[in-house]
Protein backbone atom coordinates (compact mmCIF):
# COMPACT_ATOMS: atom_id res chain seq x y z
CA MET A 1 218.93 101.66 210.74
CA PRO A 2 218.36 97.86 211.44
CA LYS A 3 218.00 95.50 208.60
CA SER A 4 215.18 92.98 208.41
CA ALA A 5 216.12 89.40 209.39
CA THR A 6 214.24 88.30 206.25
CA SER A 7 215.87 90.83 203.93
CA ALA A 8 216.42 89.40 200.44
CA ARG A 9 214.83 86.03 201.47
CA PRO A 10 212.13 85.34 198.87
CA ALA A 11 209.39 82.79 199.65
CA LEU A 12 210.43 79.22 198.84
CA LYS A 13 206.98 78.56 197.38
CA LEU A 14 204.20 80.88 196.16
CA VAL A 15 200.81 80.09 197.44
CA SER A 16 198.00 80.00 194.85
CA ALA A 17 195.26 82.57 195.27
CA ASP A 18 192.57 79.90 195.81
CA ASP A 19 194.77 78.10 198.47
CA ALA A 20 195.49 81.41 200.22
CA LEU A 21 191.86 82.38 200.37
CA ALA A 22 190.93 78.88 201.65
CA ARG A 23 193.51 79.04 204.37
CA ILE A 24 192.47 82.57 205.45
CA LEU A 25 188.82 81.64 205.62
CA ASP A 26 189.74 78.56 207.78
CA GLY A 27 191.96 80.67 209.99
CA VAL A 28 189.68 83.54 210.93
CA PRO A 29 187.30 83.18 213.88
CA ALA A 30 183.52 83.72 213.83
CA LEU A 31 182.97 86.61 216.17
CA PRO A 32 180.65 86.39 219.18
CA THR A 33 176.97 87.40 219.23
CA VAL A 34 175.74 90.67 220.65
CA GLU A 35 172.37 92.32 221.14
CA ALA A 36 172.37 95.40 218.90
CA PRO A 37 169.90 98.32 218.63
CA LEU A 38 167.88 97.79 215.44
CA LEU A 39 169.30 100.64 213.51
CA ASP A 40 172.90 99.56 214.39
CA ALA A 41 172.26 96.08 213.03
CA LEU A 42 172.06 97.12 209.36
CA GLY A 43 174.42 94.89 207.37
CA LEU A 44 175.05 92.53 210.18
CA VAL A 45 174.18 88.75 210.31
CA LEU A 46 171.29 87.50 212.39
CA ALA A 47 172.33 85.11 215.10
CA GLU A 48 169.02 83.46 215.85
CA ASP A 49 165.65 82.75 214.25
CA VAL A 50 162.99 85.35 214.73
CA ALA A 51 159.39 84.46 215.07
CA ALA A 52 156.60 87.00 214.77
CA ASP A 53 154.90 88.13 218.04
CA HIS A 54 151.73 89.14 216.28
CA ASP A 55 149.87 89.35 212.92
CA VAL A 56 151.21 91.95 210.47
CA PRO A 57 149.01 93.82 209.66
CA PRO A 58 147.17 93.21 212.98
CA PHE A 59 143.70 93.95 211.50
CA ARG A 60 141.90 94.07 208.06
CA ASN A 61 142.50 97.43 206.56
CA SER A 62 142.07 99.61 203.44
CA ALA A 63 144.96 99.77 200.92
CA MET A 64 143.81 103.08 199.58
CA ASP A 65 141.66 106.19 200.18
CA GLY A 66 138.02 105.61 199.10
CA TYR A 67 134.71 104.11 200.23
CA ALA A 68 134.26 100.84 202.22
CA VAL A 69 131.36 99.10 200.52
CA ARG A 70 129.65 95.66 200.00
CA GLY A 71 131.00 94.05 196.86
CA ASP A 72 127.44 93.18 195.72
CA ASP A 73 126.54 96.89 195.64
CA VAL A 74 129.31 97.81 193.20
CA ALA A 75 129.41 94.97 190.83
CA SER A 76 127.91 97.32 188.25
CA ALA A 77 127.91 101.09 187.84
CA PRO A 78 126.72 103.76 188.20
CA VAL A 79 125.20 103.22 191.57
CA GLU A 80 124.33 105.57 194.52
CA LEU A 81 125.09 104.57 198.13
CA ARG A 82 124.27 106.36 201.36
CA VAL A 83 127.40 107.46 203.36
CA VAL A 84 127.05 106.37 206.97
CA GLY A 85 130.36 107.37 208.48
CA GLU A 86 134.09 107.97 208.06
CA ILE A 87 137.12 106.13 209.24
CA ALA A 88 140.67 107.73 209.45
CA ALA A 89 143.93 105.99 209.82
CA GLY A 90 144.35 105.31 213.52
CA GLY A 91 140.64 105.51 214.19
CA PHE A 92 138.09 102.71 214.54
CA PRO A 93 134.84 102.23 212.66
CA GLN A 94 131.54 103.14 214.43
CA GLY A 95 128.84 100.77 213.25
CA GLU A 96 128.88 98.63 210.18
CA VAL A 97 128.12 98.93 206.51
CA GLY A 98 124.80 97.55 205.35
CA PRO A 99 123.29 97.02 201.91
CA GLY A 100 123.21 100.24 199.91
CA GLN A 101 125.58 101.94 202.27
CA ALA A 102 129.24 103.11 202.33
CA MET A 103 131.80 104.67 204.69
CA ARG A 104 134.51 107.00 203.76
CA ILE A 105 137.83 105.42 204.57
CA MET A 106 141.50 106.34 204.47
CA THR A 107 144.52 104.25 203.68
CA GLY A 108 145.48 101.99 206.63
CA ALA A 109 142.17 102.48 208.54
CA PRO A 110 140.38 99.36 209.86
CA MET A 111 137.60 98.03 207.63
CA PRO A 112 134.13 98.29 209.14
CA ALA A 113 132.07 95.12 209.59
CA GLY A 114 129.82 94.30 206.59
CA ALA A 115 132.27 95.92 204.04
CA ASP A 116 134.49 93.72 201.84
CA THR A 117 135.59 96.09 199.08
CA VAL A 118 137.00 99.55 198.85
CA VAL A 119 136.19 101.86 195.83
CA ARG A 120 138.87 104.44 195.29
CA PHE A 121 137.86 108.10 195.38
CA GLU A 122 138.73 108.53 191.72
CA ASP A 123 135.88 106.09 190.74
CA THR A 124 133.27 108.22 192.62
CA ASP A 125 131.91 111.79 192.82
CA ASN A 126 133.43 112.06 196.28
CA ALA A 127 130.21 112.99 197.92
CA SER A 128 129.69 113.08 201.65
CA ASP A 129 126.03 112.18 201.99
CA VAL A 130 125.11 110.07 198.94
CA VAL A 131 128.06 108.98 196.86
CA THR A 132 127.79 107.91 193.25
CA ILE A 133 130.04 104.96 192.28
CA THR A 134 131.09 105.65 188.64
CA ALA A 135 133.02 102.44 187.95
CA ALA A 136 132.24 98.76 188.71
CA THR A 137 134.63 97.44 191.32
CA PRO A 138 135.49 93.74 191.92
CA ARG A 139 134.73 92.28 195.35
CA GLY A 140 137.82 92.43 197.67
CA MET A 141 139.45 95.29 195.81
CA ALA A 142 142.07 97.27 197.97
CA ILE A 143 141.67 95.14 201.16
CA ARG A 144 144.67 94.08 203.19
CA GLN A 145 143.79 91.08 205.26
CA ALA A 146 145.02 90.58 208.88
CA GLY A 147 148.25 88.60 208.82
CA GLU A 148 148.54 89.06 205.09
CA ASP A 149 152.29 89.89 205.45
CA VAL A 150 153.25 87.86 208.63
CA ARG A 151 151.26 85.51 210.82
CA LYS A 152 151.77 85.37 214.55
CA GLY A 153 154.28 82.57 215.47
CA GLU A 154 155.64 82.38 211.94
CA THR A 155 159.43 82.46 211.49
CA ILE A 156 160.01 85.75 209.60
CA LEU A 157 163.85 85.65 209.53
CA THR A 158 166.29 82.75 209.97
CA LYS A 159 169.73 82.65 211.60
CA GLY A 160 172.50 83.66 209.16
CA ALA A 161 170.23 86.23 207.29
CA VAL A 162 172.00 89.53 206.35
CA LEU A 163 170.02 92.46 207.72
CA ARG A 164 169.23 94.82 204.87
CA ALA A 165 166.82 97.64 204.94
CA ALA A 166 163.86 95.39 204.21
CA GLU A 167 164.86 93.00 207.09
CA ILE A 168 165.23 95.93 209.48
CA GLY A 169 161.75 97.10 208.48
CA LEU A 170 160.32 93.61 209.04
CA LEU A 171 161.79 93.49 212.47
CA ALA A 172 160.40 96.99 213.22
CA SER A 173 156.97 95.92 212.07
CA ASP A 174 157.12 93.11 214.77
CA GLY A 175 158.07 95.65 217.39
CA ARG A 176 161.74 94.60 217.74
CA ALA A 177 163.87 97.38 219.22
CA SER A 178 166.96 95.18 219.25
CA VAL A 179 168.20 92.00 217.64
CA ARG A 180 170.85 89.39 218.31
CA VAL A 181 173.56 89.49 215.70
CA ARG A 182 177.23 88.59 215.04
CA LYS A 183 179.52 91.29 216.27
CA ARG A 184 180.82 93.89 213.84
CA PRO A 185 184.66 93.43 213.70
CA ARG A 186 186.83 96.18 214.95
CA VAL A 187 189.85 96.29 212.62
CA ALA A 188 193.06 98.06 213.47
CA VAL A 189 194.69 99.69 210.38
CA PHE A 190 197.98 101.37 210.07
CA SER A 191 200.75 102.03 207.39
CA THR A 192 204.41 101.38 207.71
CA GLY A 193 207.37 103.15 206.23
CA ASP A 194 209.80 105.92 206.90
CA GLU A 195 208.79 107.58 203.52
CA ILE A 196 205.15 107.95 204.61
CA VAL A 197 203.79 111.24 205.99
CA ASP A 198 200.42 112.41 207.21
CA LEU A 199 198.09 114.28 204.95
CA ASP A 200 198.75 117.73 206.52
CA ALA A 201 202.54 117.33 206.80
CA PRO A 202 204.83 119.09 204.35
CA LEU A 203 206.38 116.79 201.75
CA GLU A 204 210.09 116.58 201.98
CA PRO A 205 212.25 114.98 199.25
CA GLY A 206 211.65 111.28 199.05
CA GLN A 207 208.36 111.41 200.99
CA ILE A 208 204.75 110.48 199.91
CA ARG A 209 201.32 111.06 201.37
CA ASP A 210 199.81 108.14 203.36
CA SER A 211 196.88 107.23 201.16
CA ASN A 212 196.89 103.53 202.18
CA ARG A 213 195.44 104.09 205.67
CA TYR A 214 192.50 106.05 204.16
CA THR A 215 191.95 103.61 201.32
CA LEU A 216 192.03 100.57 203.53
CA ALA A 217 189.97 102.07 206.41
CA SER A 218 187.35 102.93 203.81
CA ALA A 219 187.38 99.43 202.38
CA ILE A 220 187.09 98.04 205.91
CA ARG A 221 184.03 100.22 206.55
CA ALA A 222 182.51 99.23 203.18
CA SER A 223 182.88 95.57 204.19
CA GLY A 224 180.72 96.16 207.27
CA ALA A 225 183.54 96.26 209.77
CA GLU A 226 184.61 99.19 211.96
CA PRO A 227 188.04 100.61 211.17
CA TRP A 228 190.23 101.53 214.14
CA VAL A 229 192.66 103.90 212.34
CA ARG A 230 196.12 103.99 213.89
CA GLY A 231 199.17 106.04 213.06
CA ILE A 232 202.16 105.60 210.72
CA VAL A 233 204.72 103.05 211.98
CA ARG A 234 208.34 103.77 211.17
CA ASP A 235 210.80 101.19 209.78
CA SER A 236 212.17 99.69 212.92
CA PRO A 237 211.38 96.43 214.71
CA ASP A 238 210.67 98.18 217.94
CA ALA A 239 208.23 100.58 216.45
CA LEU A 240 206.41 97.77 214.65
CA ARG A 241 206.47 95.49 217.73
CA SER A 242 204.91 98.29 219.84
CA ALA A 243 202.20 99.03 217.21
CA LEU A 244 201.20 95.34 216.88
CA ARG A 245 200.90 94.91 220.55
CA GLU A 246 198.55 97.90 220.82
CA ALA A 247 196.56 96.69 217.81
CA GLY A 248 196.10 93.32 219.43
CA ALA A 249 193.04 94.77 221.17
CA ALA A 250 191.17 94.70 217.82
CA ASP A 251 189.44 91.78 216.23
CA ALA A 252 191.74 91.85 213.20
CA ILE A 253 194.74 93.79 212.01
CA VAL A 254 195.40 95.25 208.58
CA THR A 255 198.76 96.81 207.74
CA SER A 256 200.38 98.02 204.56
CA GLY A 257 204.10 97.88 203.64
CA GLY A 258 206.97 96.09 205.16
CA VAL A 259 206.14 92.62 203.90
CA SER A 260 208.49 92.29 200.96
CA VAL A 261 212.16 91.38 201.02
CA GLY A 262 213.75 94.88 201.37
CA ASP A 263 216.37 95.70 203.95
CA HIS A 264 213.84 97.42 206.09
CA ASP A 265 210.83 95.16 205.75
CA HIS A 266 210.28 93.96 209.30
CA MET A 267 206.73 92.59 209.39
CA LYS A 268 207.66 88.85 208.91
CA PRO A 269 210.25 88.54 211.62
CA VAL A 270 208.28 90.70 214.17
CA LEU A 271 205.04 88.80 213.44
CA ALA A 272 206.85 85.50 213.81
CA GLU A 273 208.06 86.64 217.25
CA LEU A 274 204.64 87.89 218.42
CA GLY A 275 202.52 85.23 216.75
CA THR A 276 202.62 82.97 213.75
CA ILE A 277 202.77 83.42 209.99
CA ASP A 278 200.85 81.06 207.77
CA PHE A 279 202.22 82.29 204.37
CA TRP A 280 203.79 85.48 203.04
CA ALA A 281 203.87 85.28 199.21
CA ILE A 282 201.00 84.57 196.72
CA ALA A 283 201.34 83.67 193.04
CA ILE A 284 199.47 86.81 191.88
CA ARG A 285 199.89 90.22 190.35
CA PRO A 286 199.54 92.77 191.76
CA GLY A 287 200.11 91.85 195.42
CA ARG A 288 202.47 89.00 195.56
CA PRO A 289 203.95 89.88 198.98
CA LEU A 290 201.10 89.26 201.39
CA ALA A 291 201.65 88.01 204.99
CA PHE A 292 198.81 86.28 206.74
CA GLY A 293 199.06 85.02 210.32
CA GLU A 294 197.79 85.61 213.78
CA LEU A 295 198.90 87.82 216.71
CA LYS A 296 198.89 86.19 220.10
CA ASP A 297 197.28 88.42 222.65
CA GLY A 298 196.95 86.33 225.83
CA GLU A 299 194.30 83.74 225.13
CA ARG A 300 193.13 85.53 222.14
CA ARG A 301 194.36 84.95 218.58
CA VAL A 302 193.97 88.06 216.33
CA PRO A 303 194.16 87.59 212.52
CA ILE A 304 196.69 89.89 210.79
CA PHE A 305 196.99 90.73 207.13
CA GLY A 306 200.28 92.38 206.09
CA LEU A 307 199.42 93.88 202.79
CA PRO A 308 201.91 95.28 200.19
CA GLY A 309 202.87 98.90 200.27
CA ASN A 310 201.99 99.73 196.70
CA THR A 311 198.53 101.36 196.76
CA VAL A 312 196.86 99.29 194.05
CA SER A 313 198.51 95.97 195.44
CA ALA A 314 197.07 96.85 198.88
CA LEU A 315 193.55 97.50 197.67
CA VAL A 316 193.45 94.47 195.29
CA THR A 317 194.71 92.03 197.96
CA PHE A 318 192.26 93.54 200.43
CA GLU A 319 189.44 92.93 197.89
CA LEU A 320 190.56 89.43 197.23
CA PHE A 321 191.51 88.18 200.68
CA VAL A 322 190.65 90.59 203.57
CA ARG A 323 187.15 91.57 202.56
CA PRO A 324 185.99 87.81 202.41
CA ALA A 325 187.74 87.27 205.71
CA LEU A 326 185.95 90.12 207.45
CA LEU A 327 182.61 88.96 206.05
CA ARG A 328 183.26 85.39 207.29
CA MET A 329 184.08 86.81 210.74
CA GLN A 330 180.73 88.41 210.70
CA GLY A 331 178.98 85.14 209.99
CA ARG A 332 178.43 85.52 206.29
CA GLY A 333 177.99 82.23 204.37
CA ASN A 334 178.55 83.74 200.84
CA VAL A 335 181.67 85.90 200.87
CA ALA A 336 182.26 85.90 197.10
CA ARG A 337 181.73 88.69 194.65
CA PRO A 338 179.51 87.92 191.70
CA ARG A 339 181.29 86.95 188.50
CA ALA A 340 180.53 87.19 184.79
CA LYS A 341 182.10 86.25 181.48
CA ALA A 342 183.07 89.10 179.08
CA ARG A 343 184.75 89.61 175.75
CA LEU A 344 188.19 91.27 176.25
CA LEU A 345 188.64 94.50 174.24
CA ASP A 346 192.40 94.95 174.99
CA PRO A 347 195.17 92.42 174.75
CA VAL A 348 196.96 91.74 178.00
CA ASP A 349 200.50 90.52 178.43
CA LYS A 350 201.33 88.74 181.70
CA PRO A 351 203.85 86.44 183.40
CA ASP A 352 202.83 82.91 182.68
CA PHE A 353 203.51 81.75 186.26
CA LEU A 354 201.24 84.36 187.95
CA ARG A 355 197.46 84.82 188.14
CA VAL A 356 196.83 88.42 187.25
CA PHE A 357 193.97 90.66 188.42
CA ALA A 358 193.74 93.52 185.93
CA ARG A 359 191.51 96.51 186.60
CA GLY A 360 188.71 96.65 184.09
CA ILE A 361 185.47 98.40 183.05
CA HIS A 362 182.83 95.90 182.39
CA ASP A 363 179.84 96.72 180.08
CA PRO A 364 177.11 94.13 180.98
CA ASP A 365 174.91 95.21 178.11
CA ALA A 366 177.68 94.65 175.44
CA GLY A 367 179.17 91.69 177.24
CA THR A 368 182.65 93.34 177.10
CA VAL A 369 185.43 94.41 179.37
CA ARG A 370 188.33 96.74 178.84
CA LEU A 371 191.34 97.86 180.85
CA THR A 372 191.11 101.08 182.79
CA GLY A 373 194.53 102.14 181.26
CA PRO A 374 198.04 101.73 182.64
CA GLN A 375 198.10 98.83 185.16
CA GLY A 376 201.02 99.73 187.34
CA SER A 377 200.72 98.75 191.02
CA GLY A 378 201.09 102.46 192.01
CA ILE A 379 198.41 103.79 189.71
CA LEU A 380 195.42 104.18 192.06
CA ARG A 381 193.36 105.72 189.28
CA SER A 382 193.22 102.27 187.71
CA MET A 383 191.00 101.24 190.70
CA SER A 384 189.04 104.48 190.70
CA LEU A 385 187.89 103.89 187.15
CA ALA A 386 187.30 100.14 187.55
CA ASN A 387 184.04 98.34 188.19
CA CYS A 388 185.65 94.91 188.05
CA LEU A 389 188.77 92.86 188.33
CA ILE A 390 189.69 90.78 185.17
CA ASP A 391 190.81 87.42 186.46
CA LEU A 392 193.54 86.11 184.11
CA PRO A 393 194.71 82.54 184.99
CA VAL A 394 198.17 81.13 185.43
CA GLY A 395 199.40 79.75 182.10
CA PRO A 396 199.09 82.04 179.04
CA SER A 397 201.55 84.92 178.76
CA ARG A 398 199.24 86.85 176.45
CA ILE A 399 195.43 87.17 176.44
CA GLU A 400 194.33 88.38 173.00
CA LYS A 401 191.67 90.96 172.20
CA GLY A 402 188.35 89.15 171.68
CA GLU A 403 189.01 86.25 174.06
CA THR A 404 186.43 85.48 176.73
CA VAL A 405 187.62 86.18 180.29
CA ASP A 406 186.28 86.02 183.80
CA VAL A 407 185.47 89.20 185.59
CA ILE A 408 184.89 89.76 189.27
CA LEU A 409 182.08 92.39 189.62
CA THR A 410 183.40 94.72 192.39
CA GLU A 411 181.04 97.65 191.83
CA GLN A 412 179.37 100.00 189.32
CA PRO A 413 180.95 103.48 189.29
CA GLU A 414 178.94 106.57 188.45
CA SER A 415 178.61 107.50 184.77
CA ARG A 416 181.39 109.79 183.66
């Protein structure tokens, strides 16, 4: 079996986490814009300002089921009013409401001329001919004015907005069936290693299941990108070379394994042959061996992230470096997770020359954070239990219980 050309050659200098992230964000391209069907645009970034084509709502309407009346007639109660009609949602009023009159009206129905107030059914005897109003009602109650939400010609969303459910609804209310957005990245993902086998393959001595492809593909999807799941690449330069060339059709490539200094870690020399490497070691734990560069595919330059093979290291480095890059490629301005300060409930020992990202459980009500348990780079349960990463800086070799630390809020797991 061929040995790697970089076997046993450690990086001359470890890049800091902040420097690595800055170089990654500078090195990834913003993807082109596309016209996407409205429901496919959820989570994507708007590529242009959107102005309203019409008022929303387009007419004055009732905000509840009740009676459309004149405010002067219901300033005091009880009072009897003659019912002169009924308006259902989707209908249109026939005639108007004069003094001493009322029309039954349903939620969303257009208000009749002359009426400026709606009295809810609960404040009446709900009669059909002569209705008794049992509670005084302020003028203007339960009326939605035309254009109350959006005025025609008004900019309702600006370029760079992330389209959440509310923004999708706003666009739908303006009659938009599609919208121009930044393209969703298609990300090739594969694992490397002779010891890796598929989920349904029998385990032979020395083999392990390929959890990394599934972990990373899921993380890619959670970041708003589209995973293009490839196979397992064996530990040979030719196999890796072929896999990378095929993956060059993607917008980005994420691999796991093969980036350390072992005899059969071929990622760095093969990537140097097919493209360029910016850096391949970061001063962090877990995840020190991480290669970032670009693959040359004709005129295209495809960002590639060679993540460590240990499962926790792969997922932590994805969280810290790949997720922000994929968000930036989608046009996101803010790519950082929220942070908080918390009081540490467990002491932590660490190398003084590394920045450590421990897996933690943050309690926002108590203002505390504790470790998830053993922190080995192969213990994926430490990520499953975590709702944060505890960011421990270069310098101290021990962080004592009770000290205040920074936490990166990744997510809130279900109660256990």
